[in-house]
Amino acid sequence: MNLTDSNITFILSAYGPPGPLNYGVFLLMLALYLATVFSNLTLMLVISSDSSLHKPMYIFLFNLAINGLMGSSAVCPAIMQYLLVGLKTISFKNCLMQMFFINVYGSCAYAILTVMAYDRYVCICKPLQYHTIMTPTKVRLLLSVVYIFPVCLFTVQVCLTSRLPMCKYTMYKLFCDNLTLVSLACVKTALDNLFGLWLFFLFAVLPLLSVVLSYIKILTVSFKASGNAQAKALKTCAPHLITFINFSSAILFSVVYHRFNDYVTNEINALMSVHYILIPPLLHPLIYGMKTHEIKKSFTKILRKNIFAINLSFGRPNNMVFSFLLVKT
């Protein structure tokens, strides 16, 4: 099938008809989405405006915030729109595009968290060599790998899925995903299955093993150190570890959602699917904002500076008015 001349439209049947329940869910999602955008933009502003935070750890965190905004914006506005309209339809092209951005969001987030674990490993296990290992060139190289590989490989997946002939056009989902699209096809090729399994290993299993290995080495070094060093290491790694566990649980919920959605209620289906897209991008900046001393310090400094500037602007007489009064007198 040639995607460019395809007019296929799918129906998303997981939404109920417009009514009080849908309107309530819409308001809740709107509040959560706005909170997600605000928290991530605030974190990005704090990191970019404070030169003391221009370090590898915070550069990776800045990119994690960008990725979170991309993932939530790829799905949440569409879900909110579907909650308010009668017939929930999506074209094949838009479905593939939505699937692409969701997959890139998830794989990039896991890759960034893996790179952050490596950064913590170098910081704690090789502190004297940290600045020679985590150079600006090395940071740029790691970020390039984080983005280029998912974009290229999921582009291939979209091309493979777009060639499948479709026999069914109704999906009981809130948004599009590759497994659902493949299940709607008239035929299923071994290439699609093998490529999907390879992507899962590359972007889910391999990062998980890398993070676990990094923390095993960190714990090994920490146990041999003094009590103060152990406490410092734990404080340094706690935000990342909490964030990683949060995102891993979201991925687990997503797997359950895709594999067992026929055996659970509609409400649980909706909760598990939205959890993967909305909750991690909302919690990641909040976790780092509350658990990282440097970010809290920078945020407080920026807040005080702006409040002080506002107070000065209100307390100072307007120059034009002041000059006018002088002329009059």
Foldseek 3Di string as FASTA:
>chain_A
DDLVPDFAKFFAPLADFADPVLVVVLVVLVVLLVLLVVLLVLLLVLCVVDPVNPALLSVLVNVLLVLLNQLLVLASVLLSVVSHDGTGMDGPVSQLVSQLSNQLSLLLNLLSLLVSLVLLLCCQVPVVCNCVCRDPVNSVVSNCCSRVVSNVLSVVLSVVLSPFAFDDRYDNASGHHSVRSQVRGPDHDPVNVVSVVVSCCVRPVVSVVSSVVSVVSNVVSLVPDDPVSVVVSCLVCVLSVVLNVQQNVLVVLVVCLVPPVVPDDSVSSVVSVVSNNRVSSSVSSVSCCVRPPVSVVSSVVVVVVVVVVVVCVVVDDDPVVVVVVVVVD
